[in-house]
Amino acid sequence: MSRTDTPMKPGPRGITWLLHGWFFVCKLNPEEFEKALKDVKDFLDSGIPKYPVCTINAWNEWTEGSYLEPDTVNGMGYLEAVRKVFG
């Protein structure tokens, strides 16, 4: 079963778990995004995943609604959330 067709299950605060330890975080404001990142970091620090790596998609996928790049609504909010959690 590939990662793209693995069944998903709901998780806390807008996080959707994908089996095999993948998280999908969708449509959160910067504050909710920061809380979700903290959950991800706690999971990575727990020792459960064999390879504790976090990949964030994407820098500027504006047309797909997936971006961290500063905007006129949230400013640097998403980037600040990443900095606060992962330093």
Protein backbone atom coordinates (compact mmCIF):
# COMPACT_ATOMS: atom_id res chain seq x y z
CA MET A 1 0.00 0.00 0.00
CA SER A 2 1.50 3.35 -0.97
CA ARG A 3 1.47 6.39 1.26
CA THR A 4 -1.02 8.10 -1.04
CA ASP A 5 -3.69 5.44 -0.65
CA THR A 6 -3.21 4.55 3.00
CA PRO A 7 -6.42 5.06 5.02
CA MET A 8 -6.48 8.19 7.15
CA LYS A 9 -7.97 8.67 10.59
CA PRO A 10 -8.83 11.93 12.36
CA GLY A 11 -6.52 13.29 15.02
CA PRO A 12 -6.38 16.21 17.47
CA ARG A 13 -6.78 19.88 16.54
CA GLY A 14 -7.21 19.59 12.79
CA ILE A 15 -4.42 17.06 12.39
CA THR A 16 -5.21 14.04 10.31
CA TRP A 17 -3.03 11.02 10.90
CA LEU A 18 -1.97 8.95 7.98
CA LEU A 19 -0.95 5.48 9.03
CA HIS A 20 2.79 4.82 9.13
CA GLY A 21 3.26 7.99 11.19
CA TRP A 22 2.43 10.67 8.64
CA PHE A 23 0.51 13.77 9.69
CA PHE A 24 -1.58 15.97 7.45
CA VAL A 25 -2.43 19.40 8.82
CA CYS A 26 -5.02 21.33 6.84
CA LYS A 27 -6.63 24.77 6.90
CA LEU A 28 -5.30 26.02 10.22
CA ASN A 29 -4.58 29.60 11.21
CA PRO A 30 -1.02 30.31 12.43
CA GLU A 31 -1.89 29.72 16.10
CA GLU A 32 -3.56 26.38 15.36
CA PHE A 33 -0.67 25.50 13.04
CA GLU A 34 1.79 26.14 15.88
CA LYS A 35 -0.19 23.86 18.21
CA ALA A 36 -0.25 21.16 15.54
CA LEU A 37 3.52 21.52 15.04
CA LYS A 38 4.01 21.07 18.79
CA ASP A 39 2.06 17.81 18.58
CA VAL A 40 4.23 16.71 15.67
CA LYS A 41 7.41 17.65 17.55
CA ASP A 42 6.23 15.77 20.65
CA PHE A 43 5.64 12.73 18.47
CA LEU A 44 9.07 13.04 16.85
CA ASP A 45 10.73 13.46 20.25
CA SER A 46 8.86 10.47 21.70
CA GLY A 47 11.21 7.93 20.17
CA ILE A 48 8.35 6.18 18.37
CA PRO A 49 9.39 7.02 14.80
CA LYS A 50 12.51 5.27 13.58
CA TYR A 51 13.53 8.39 11.64
CA PRO A 52 12.26 11.54 13.39
CA VAL A 53 11.92 13.82 10.37
CA CYS A 54 9.33 16.50 9.69
CA THR A 55 8.68 17.63 6.12
CA ILE A 56 6.51 20.69 5.63
CA ASN A 57 4.87 21.26 2.26
CA ALA A 58 5.13 23.85 0.76
CA TRP A 59 6.81 27.21 0.66
CA ASN A 60 4.65 28.85 -2.01
CA GLU A 61 1.93 26.64 -3.48
CA TRP A 62 -0.51 29.55 -3.56
CA THR A 63 -2.93 28.06 -6.09
CA GLU A 64 -3.17 24.84 -4.07
CA GLY A 65 -3.63 26.69 -0.77
CA SER A 66 -0.46 25.21 0.70
CA TYR A 67 2.10 27.83 1.61
CA LEU A 68 4.25 29.16 4.44
CA GLU A 69 5.39 32.25 2.61
CA PRO A 70 4.31 35.53 4.26
CA ASP A 71 0.99 36.94 3.08
CA THR A 72 -1.16 40.01 3.66
CA VAL A 73 -3.55 38.21 6.02
CA ASN A 74 -1.24 36.29 8.38
CA GLY A 75 2.05 38.07 7.75
CA MET A 76 4.93 35.92 8.99
CA GLY A 77 2.60 33.84 11.21
CA TYR A 78 3.25 30.42 9.69
CA LEU A 79 7.02 30.93 9.55
CA GLU A 80 7.04 32.22 13.13
CA ALA A 81 5.15 29.09 14.21
CA VAL A 82 7.80 26.87 12.63
CA ARG A 83 10.58 28.92 14.26
CA LYS A 84 8.95 28.81 17.70
CA VAL A 85 8.50 25.06 17.64
CA PHE A 86 11.57 23.83 15.78
CA GLY A 87 13.90 26.76 16.42
